[in-house]
Every structure is written in C-alpha cells, then in structure tokens.
Amino acid sequence: MPETLRKITREDLIPDAEFAKIRKERRAALLPTKKLRRVELGPVCTFYFETFATMLFQVQEMLLTEKGGEAQIADELEAYNPLVPQGSELVATVMFEIADEARRGALLARLGGVEDNFFVQIGAEKIVGAPEGDIERTREDGKTSSVHFLHFALTDAQKAVFRDPATTIMIGCDHENYAHLAVLSPATRAELSRDFS
C-alpha cells in the first residue's frame, strides 16, 4: 500500500532498544524531507507539513522517551495517525514559536480562533484548514494554543492544479492579528505533491 494511503500500525514499530541505536541516522535521513516540508509564515509561525515518515518517527520518539512500553502504543497510534495525510489532503502542524514566555503569552491572547483562519491558496482558490478535532485550541478566555493541527482537503482538480508549475501556491493566515502569506518554493511543492494519491 502506498504511504499516501497508510496508517501507522503496530507492525511498523521497532523495539525501543533497536530504535535508540538507529535514531540518529533516521533523524538525519529525514532532515532533507523535513526541511522541504517546513514553511515559515510571518515572523513567528511555522507550518510543518506531515507525512507517514515524520509521524512514524514521532511515534517511535514518544515511545522511546516516555518509556510506556506496550501499553503506550495504542495511545500514540491514536494521537498521531490522524496526522498522516490520506491521499487527498495536506496535513500540517502549525506552531507559534516564540522563546520569550511573556511575549508568547501576549500574542496568543490576541489570536483566539486563529485555527479557523489558516489556508492553502492554489492560484485564486483558497482551501481553509480544518482543525484536528482532538481538543479545543482556543480557550474560553480567548487565548489560543501555540500548536495547531490542520487538514487541507483537496479535490482531484485542485491536486492537478497544485502540480502545475505555472500556478502560484501559497499558505496563509487571515486572522486580524496575524495576517501573513508565504509562497511555496518549487521544491516544497514537489515534495508536498507526493502526499497526493
């Protein structure tokens, strides 16, 4: 089965001791892919477009660092499998990355509901991201989370246009307190196109 239609299963995982031995080389092998899938949006927001390989590595990392053993596996698969693209979507972890805690808190307090304002624009067509429904990302006081998980569903026609090098592809946010656009490079577009079946 192609990775674009896969979910991570127990059979994909290797024992923690074995993963610890190859962890460094696996991380190094993923770096070129992760670099192409990382897109900055404005000064403090970054899109990390996920794939089967990035999520498999994340599951292995969680199992190794938290040492929950067999009992932890089902929870990790439940948490990370929804972030594996399924052939007609792009999936992104979107993070507001500000080291200074006070500055980060002040910005997040002004960004309530931002999870409903991220989009991928293919030519003139805008595809608004659907937030992962695991938990509410904006609190009652209006403060949002620094991490969001988004799905961008594309039709077959949109996937075809996405692959057309003559079409401009952008990611963006149109929240009143964080309005930014970023154009995807040809290399990033080619990499993300691999998510489509």
C-alpha atoms as a PDB file:
ATOM      1  CA  MET A   1       0.000   0.000   0.000  1.00  0.00           C
ATOM      2  CA  PRO A   2       1.413   3.464  -0.866  1.00  0.00           C
ATOM      3  CA  GLU A   3       2.357   5.696   2.073  1.00  0.00           C
ATOM      4  CA  THR A   4      -0.274   8.199   0.919  1.00  0.00           C
ATOM      5  CA  LEU A   5      -2.975   5.741   1.985  1.00  0.00           C
ATOM      6  CA  ARG A   6      -1.329   4.162   5.036  1.00  0.00           C
ATOM      7  CA  LYS A   7      -1.806   4.408   8.740  1.00  0.00           C
ATOM      8  CA  ILE A   8       0.913   3.520  11.234  1.00  0.00           C
ATOM      9  CA  THR A   9       0.359   0.071  12.712  1.00  0.00           C
ATOM     10  CA  ARG A  10       1.981  -1.922  15.486  1.00  0.00           C
ATOM     11  CA  GLU A  11       3.885  -3.834  12.786  1.00  0.00           C
ATOM     12  CA  ASP A  12       5.601  -0.614  11.606  1.00  0.00           C
ATOM     13  CA  LEU A  13       7.213  -0.076  15.015  1.00  0.00           C
ATOM     14  CA  ILE A  14      10.567  -1.425  16.135  1.00  0.00           C
ATOM     15  CA  PRO A  15      11.609  -2.100  19.739  1.00  0.00           C
ATOM     16  CA  ASP A  16      12.872   0.917  21.695  1.00  0.00           C
ATOM     17  CA  ALA A  17      16.371  -0.554  22.114  1.00  0.00           C
ATOM     18  CA  GLU A  18      16.667  -1.054  18.359  1.00  0.00           C
ATOM     19  CA  PHE A  19      15.284   2.423  17.608  1.00  0.00           C
ATOM     20  CA  ALA A  20      17.761   4.001  20.060  1.00  0.00           C
ATOM     21  CA  LYS A  21      20.625   2.518  18.026  1.00  0.00           C
ATOM     22  CA  ILE A  22      19.408   3.940  14.691  1.00  0.00           C
ATOM     23  CA  ARG A  23      17.643   7.056  15.970  1.00  0.00           C
ATOM     24  CA  LYS A  24      20.413   9.465  14.950  1.00  0.00           C
ATOM     25  CA  GLU A  25      20.686   8.106  11.392  1.00  0.00           C
ATOM     26  CA  ARG A  26      16.878   8.023  10.985  1.00  0.00           C
ATOM     27  CA  ARG A  27      16.682  11.662  12.088  1.00  0.00           C
ATOM     28  CA  ALA A  28      19.480  12.605   9.659  1.00  0.00           C
ATOM     29  CA  ALA A  29      17.760  10.751   6.806  1.00  0.00           C
ATOM     30  CA  LEU A  30      14.520  12.656   7.477  1.00  0.00           C
ATOM     31  CA  LEU A  31      16.136  16.114   7.626  1.00  0.00           C
ATOM     32  CA  PRO A  32      16.078  16.882   3.865  1.00  0.00           C
ATOM     33  CA  THR A  33      12.386  15.937   3.687  1.00  0.00           C
ATOM     34  CA  LYS A  34      11.520  17.871   6.846  1.00  0.00           C
ATOM     35  CA  LYS A  35      13.371  20.922   5.559  1.00  0.00           C
ATOM     36  CA  LEU A  36      11.256  20.960   2.390  1.00  0.00           C
ATOM     37  CA  ARG A  37       8.090  20.493   4.472  1.00  0.00           C
ATOM     38  CA  ARG A  38       8.864  23.386   6.842  1.00  0.00           C
ATOM     39  CA  VAL A  39       7.424  26.740   5.720  1.00  0.00           C
ATOM     40  CA  GLU A  40       7.628  29.932   7.744  1.00  0.00           C
ATOM     41  CA  LEU A  41       4.515  32.087   7.802  1.00  0.00           C
ATOM     42  CA  GLY A  42       5.291  35.546   9.096  1.00  0.00           C
ATOM     43  CA  PRO A  43       7.791  36.183  11.883  1.00  0.00           C
ATOM     44  CA  VAL A  44       6.754  33.581  14.485  1.00  0.00           C
ATOM     45  CA  CYS A  45       4.555  30.942  12.814  1.00  0.00           C
ATOM     46  CA  THR A  46       5.769  27.794  11.057  1.00  0.00           C
ATOM     47  CA  PHE A  47       3.923  25.135   9.071  1.00  0.00           C
ATOM     48  CA  TYR A  48       5.329  21.610   9.355  1.00  0.00           C
ATOM     49  CA  PHE A  49       3.640  19.526   6.665  1.00  0.00           C
ATOM     50  CA  GLU A  50       3.433  15.966   7.963  1.00  0.00           C
ATOM     51  CA  THR A  51       3.834  12.648   6.197  1.00  0.00           C
ATOM     52  CA  PHE A  52       3.787   8.969   7.112  1.00  0.00           C
ATOM     53  CA  ALA A  53       7.557   9.003   7.726  1.00  0.00           C
ATOM     54  CA  THR A  54       7.524  12.065  10.011  1.00  0.00           C
ATOM     55  CA  MET A  55       4.670  10.666  12.077  1.00  0.00           C
ATOM     56  CA  LEU A  56       6.251   7.204  12.325  1.00  0.00           C
ATOM     57  CA  PHE A  57       9.437   8.825  13.628  1.00  0.00           C
ATOM     58  CA  GLN A  58       7.389  10.881  16.125  1.00  0.00           C
ATOM     59  CA  VAL A  59       5.621   7.781  17.452  1.00  0.00           C
ATOM     60  CA  GLN A  60       8.955   5.999  17.884  1.00  0.00           C
ATOM     61  CA  GLU A  61      10.368   9.074  19.661  1.00  0.00           C
ATOM     62  CA  MET A  62       7.435   9.220  22.077  1.00  0.00           C
ATOM     63  CA  LEU A  63       7.734   5.527  22.888  1.00  0.00           C
ATOM     64  CA  LEU A  64      11.475   5.829  23.472  1.00  0.00           C
ATOM     65  CA  THR A  65      11.380   8.960  25.626  1.00  0.00           C
ATOM     66  CA  GLU A  66       8.262   8.203  27.678  1.00  0.00           C
ATOM     67  CA  LYS A  67       9.105   4.503  28.144  1.00  0.00           C
ATOM     68  CA  GLY A  68       5.458   3.458  28.406  1.00  0.00           C
ATOM     69  CA  GLY A  69       6.074   0.153  26.664  1.00  0.00           C
ATOM     70  CA  GLU A  70       3.357  -1.874  25.002  1.00  0.00           C
ATOM     71  CA  ALA A  71       0.627  -0.095  26.990  1.00  0.00           C
ATOM     72  CA  GLN A  72       1.572   3.248  25.408  1.00  0.00           C
ATOM     73  CA  ILE A  73       1.464   2.131  21.773  1.00  0.00           C
ATOM     74  CA  ALA A  74      -2.301   2.320  21.218  1.00  0.00           C
ATOM     75  CA  ASP A  75      -2.446   5.873  22.604  1.00  0.00           C
ATOM     76  CA  GLU A  76       0.397   7.060  20.380  1.00  0.00           C
ATOM     77  CA  LEU A  77      -1.157   5.498  17.275  1.00  0.00           C
ATOM     78  CA  GLU A  78      -4.489   7.127  18.128  1.00  0.00           C
ATOM     79  CA  ALA A  79      -2.797  10.505  18.622  1.00  0.00           C
ATOM     80  CA  TYR A  80      -0.573  10.545  15.531  1.00  0.00           C
ATOM     81  CA  ASN A  81      -2.406   8.530  12.865  1.00  0.00           C
ATOM     82  CA  PRO A  82      -4.899  11.350  12.202  1.00  0.00           C
ATOM     83  CA  LEU A  83      -1.910  13.477  11.122  1.00  0.00           C
ATOM     84  CA  VAL A  84      -0.839  11.084   8.354  1.00  0.00           C
ATOM     85  CA  PRO A  85      -2.125  12.507   5.008  1.00  0.00           C
ATOM     86  CA  GLN A  86      -4.534  10.190   3.219  1.00  0.00           C
ATOM     87  CA  GLY A  87      -4.064  10.950  -0.475  1.00  0.00           C
ATOM     88  CA  SER A  88      -6.391  13.924  -0.941  1.00  0.00           C
ATOM     89  CA  GLU A  89      -5.137  16.290   1.736  1.00  0.00           C
ATOM     90  CA  LEU A  90      -2.205  18.126   3.179  1.00  0.00           C
ATOM     91  CA  VAL A  91      -1.796  17.868   6.951  1.00  0.00           C
ATOM     92  CA  ALA A  92       0.191  20.442   8.892  1.00  0.00           C
ATOM     93  CA  THR A  93       1.324  21.002  12.424  1.00  0.00           C
ATOM     94  CA  VAL A  94       1.258  24.795  12.780  1.00  0.00           C
ATOM     95  CA  MET A  95       3.316  26.298  15.580  1.00  0.00           C
ATOM     96  CA  PHE A  96       3.740  29.773  17.012  1.00  0.00           C
ATOM     97  CA  GLU A  97       7.367  29.693  18.081  1.00  0.00           C
ATOM     98  CA  ILE A  98       8.351  32.454  20.496  1.00  0.00           C
ATOM     99  CA  ALA A  99      11.014  31.698  23.099  1.00  0.00           C
ATOM    100  CA  ASP A 100      10.083  34.541  25.459  1.00  0.00           C
ATOM    101  CA  GLU A 101       7.172  33.286  27.563  1.00  0.00           C
ATOM    102  CA  ALA A 102       5.644  36.718  28.275  1.00  0.00           C
ATOM    103  CA  ARG A 103       5.781  37.750  24.611  1.00  0.00           C
ATOM    104  CA  ARG A 104       4.367  34.383  23.520  1.00  0.00           C
ATOM    105  CA  GLY A 105       1.502  34.642  26.023  1.00  0.00           C
ATOM    106  CA  ALA A 106       0.642  38.181  24.926  1.00  0.00           C
ATOM    107  CA  LEU A 107       0.469  37.176  21.249  1.00  0.00           C
ATOM    108  CA  LEU A 108      -1.542  34.003  21.857  1.00  0.00           C
ATOM    109  CA  ALA A 109      -4.035  36.006  23.940  1.00  0.00           C
ATOM    110  CA  ARG A 110      -4.755  38.106  20.818  1.00  0.00           C
ATOM    111  CA  LEU A 111      -5.122  35.122  18.463  1.00  0.00           C
ATOM    112  CA  GLY A 112      -8.295  33.423  19.655  1.00  0.00           C
ATOM    113  CA  GLY A 113      -9.881  31.407  16.849  1.00  0.00           C
ATOM    114  CA  VAL A 114      -6.745  31.555  14.676  1.00  0.00           C
ATOM    115  CA  GLU A 115      -7.114  27.831  13.954  1.00  0.00           C
ATOM    116  CA  ASP A 116     -10.041  28.704  11.653  1.00  0.00           C
ATOM    117  CA  ASN A 117      -8.013  31.251   9.652  1.00  0.00           C
ATOM    118  CA  PHE A 118      -5.206  29.192   8.075  1.00  0.00           C
ATOM    119  CA  PHE A 119      -5.413  28.317   4.387  1.00  0.00           C
ATOM    120  CA  VAL A 120      -3.632  26.955   1.341  1.00  0.00           C
ATOM    121  CA  GLN A 121      -4.191  29.032  -1.777  1.00  0.00           C
ATOM    122  CA  ILE A 122      -3.922  27.304  -5.153  1.00  0.00           C
ATOM    123  CA  GLY A 123      -3.989  30.032  -7.769  1.00  0.00           C
ATOM    124  CA  ALA A 124      -7.094  32.049  -6.890  1.00  0.00           C
ATOM    125  CA  GLU A 125      -8.737  29.233  -4.921  1.00  0.00           C
ATOM    126  CA  LYS A 126      -8.457  29.184  -1.133  1.00  0.00           C
ATOM    127  CA  ILE A 127      -8.722  25.945   0.881  1.00  0.00           C
ATOM    128  CA  VAL A 128      -9.330  26.693   4.555  1.00  0.00           C
ATOM    129  CA  GLY A 129      -7.774  24.268   7.014  1.00  0.00           C
ATOM    130  CA  ALA A 130      -9.983  22.099   9.190  1.00  0.00           C
ATOM    131  CA  PRO A 131      -8.603  21.862  12.739  1.00  0.00           C
ATOM    132  CA  GLU A 132      -7.997  18.383  14.120  1.00  0.00           C
ATOM    133  CA  GLY A 133     -10.931  17.724  16.447  1.00  0.00           C
ATOM    134  CA  ASP A 134      -8.946  16.233  19.343  1.00  0.00           C
ATOM    135  CA  ILE A 135      -9.272  19.223  21.696  1.00  0.00           C
ATOM    136  CA  GLU A 136     -10.415  22.831  21.542  1.00  0.00           C
ATOM    137  CA  ARG A 137      -7.398  25.022  20.719  1.00  0.00           C
ATOM    138  CA  THR A 138      -8.869  28.361  21.840  1.00  0.00           C
ATOM    139  CA  ARG A 139      -9.788  28.698  25.499  1.00  0.00           C
ATOM    140  CA  GLU A 140     -12.845  30.479  26.861  1.00  0.00           C
ATOM    141  CA  ASP A 141     -10.687  33.500  27.728  1.00  0.00           C
ATOM    142  CA  GLY A 142      -9.782  33.880  24.027  1.00  0.00           C
ATOM    143  CA  LYS A 143      -6.198  32.648  24.298  1.00  0.00           C
ATOM    144  CA  THR A 144      -5.178  30.145  21.641  1.00  0.00           C
ATOM    145  CA  SER A 145      -2.695  27.297  21.769  1.00  0.00           C
ATOM    146  CA  SER A 146       0.808  27.640  20.356  1.00  0.00           C
ATOM    147  CA  VAL A 147       0.288  24.378  18.400  1.00  0.00           C
ATOM    148  CA  HIS A 148      -2.470  23.583  15.895  1.00  0.00           C
ATOM    149  CA  PHE A 149      -3.107  20.511  13.724  1.00  0.00           C
ATOM    150  CA  LEU A 150      -4.815  21.232  10.406  1.00  0.00           C
ATOM    151  CA  HIS A 151      -6.162  19.278   7.438  1.00  0.00           C
ATOM    152  CA  PHE A 152      -6.414  20.874   3.994  1.00  0.00           C
ATOM    153  CA  ALA A 153      -8.707  18.707   1.826  1.00  0.00           C
ATOM    154  CA  LEU A 154      -8.152  18.942  -1.929  1.00  0.00           C
ATOM    155  CA  THR A 155     -10.301  17.731  -4.804  1.00  0.00           C
ATOM    156  CA  ASP A 156      -8.753  15.844  -7.723  1.00  0.00           C
ATOM    157  CA  ALA A 157      -8.952  19.037  -9.802  1.00  0.00           C
ATOM    158  CA  GLN A 158      -7.178  21.050  -7.079  1.00  0.00           C
ATOM    159  CA  LYS A 159      -4.448  18.404  -6.830  1.00  0.00           C
ATOM    160  CA  ALA A 160      -3.882  18.667 -10.588  1.00  0.00           C
ATOM    161  CA  VAL A 161      -3.586  22.465 -10.400  1.00  0.00           C
ATOM    162  CA  PHE A 162      -1.288  22.167  -7.370  1.00  0.00           C
ATOM    163  CA  ARG A 163       1.103  20.095  -9.511  1.00  0.00           C
ATOM    164  CA  ASP A 164       1.105  22.698 -12.321  1.00  0.00           C
ATOM    165  CA  PRO A 165       4.376  24.680 -12.000  1.00  0.00           C
ATOM    166  CA  ALA A 166       2.736  27.714 -13.615  1.00  0.00           C
ATOM    167  CA  THR A 167       0.315  28.093 -10.678  1.00  0.00           C
ATOM    168  CA  THR A 168       1.320  30.052  -7.588  1.00  0.00           C
ATOM    169  CA  ILE A 169       0.753  28.118  -4.355  1.00  0.00           C
ATOM    170  CA  MET A 170       0.689  29.957  -1.031  1.00  0.00           C
ATOM    171  CA  ILE A 171      -0.079  29.281   2.595  1.00  0.00           C
ATOM    172  CA  GLY A 172      -1.630  31.990   4.689  1.00  0.00           C
ATOM    173  CA  CYS A 173      -3.462  33.222   7.713  1.00  0.00           C
ATOM    174  CA  ASP A 174      -6.136  35.914   7.576  1.00  0.00           C
ATOM    175  CA  HIS A 175      -6.670  36.411  11.324  1.00  0.00           C
ATOM    176  CA  GLU A 176      -6.963  40.129  12.042  1.00  0.00           C
ATOM    177  CA  ASN A 177      -3.975  39.992  14.414  1.00  0.00           C
ATOM    178  CA  TYR A 178      -1.776  37.728  12.296  1.00  0.00           C
ATOM    179  CA  ALA A 179      -2.338  38.272   8.564  1.00  0.00           C
ATOM    180  CA  HIS A 180       0.502  36.747   6.521  1.00  0.00           C
ATOM    181  CA  LEU A 181       1.155  34.904   3.238  1.00  0.00           C
ATOM    182  CA  ALA A 182       4.069  32.737   2.125  1.00  0.00           C
ATOM    183  CA  VAL A 183       4.713  31.390  -1.374  1.00  0.00           C
ATOM    184  CA  LEU A 184       5.760  27.735  -1.570  1.00  0.00           C
ATOM    185  CA  SER A 185       9.035  27.070  -3.370  1.00  0.00           C
ATOM    186  CA  PRO A 186       9.025  24.714  -6.373  1.00  0.00           C
ATOM    187  CA  ALA A 187      10.944  22.132  -4.309  1.00  0.00           C
ATOM    188  CA  THR A 188       8.426  22.290  -1.460  1.00  0.00           C
ATOM    189  CA  ARG A 189       5.524  21.996  -3.897  1.00  0.00           C
ATOM    190  CA  ALA A 190       7.075  18.945  -5.499  1.00  0.00           C
ATOM    191  CA  GLU A 191       7.615  17.368  -2.088  1.00  0.00           C
ATOM    192  CA  LEU A 192       4.050  18.073  -0.923  1.00  0.00           C
ATOM    193  CA  SER A 193       2.630  16.710  -4.180  1.00  0.00           C
ATOM    194  CA  ARG A 194       3.916  13.307  -3.071  1.00  0.00           C
ATOM    195  CA  ASP A 195       1.116  13.304  -0.460  1.00  0.00           C
ATOM    196  CA  PHE A 196      -1.500  13.011  -3.207  1.00  0.00           C
ATOM    197  CA  SER A 197      -2.698   9.647  -4.479  1.00  0.00           C
END
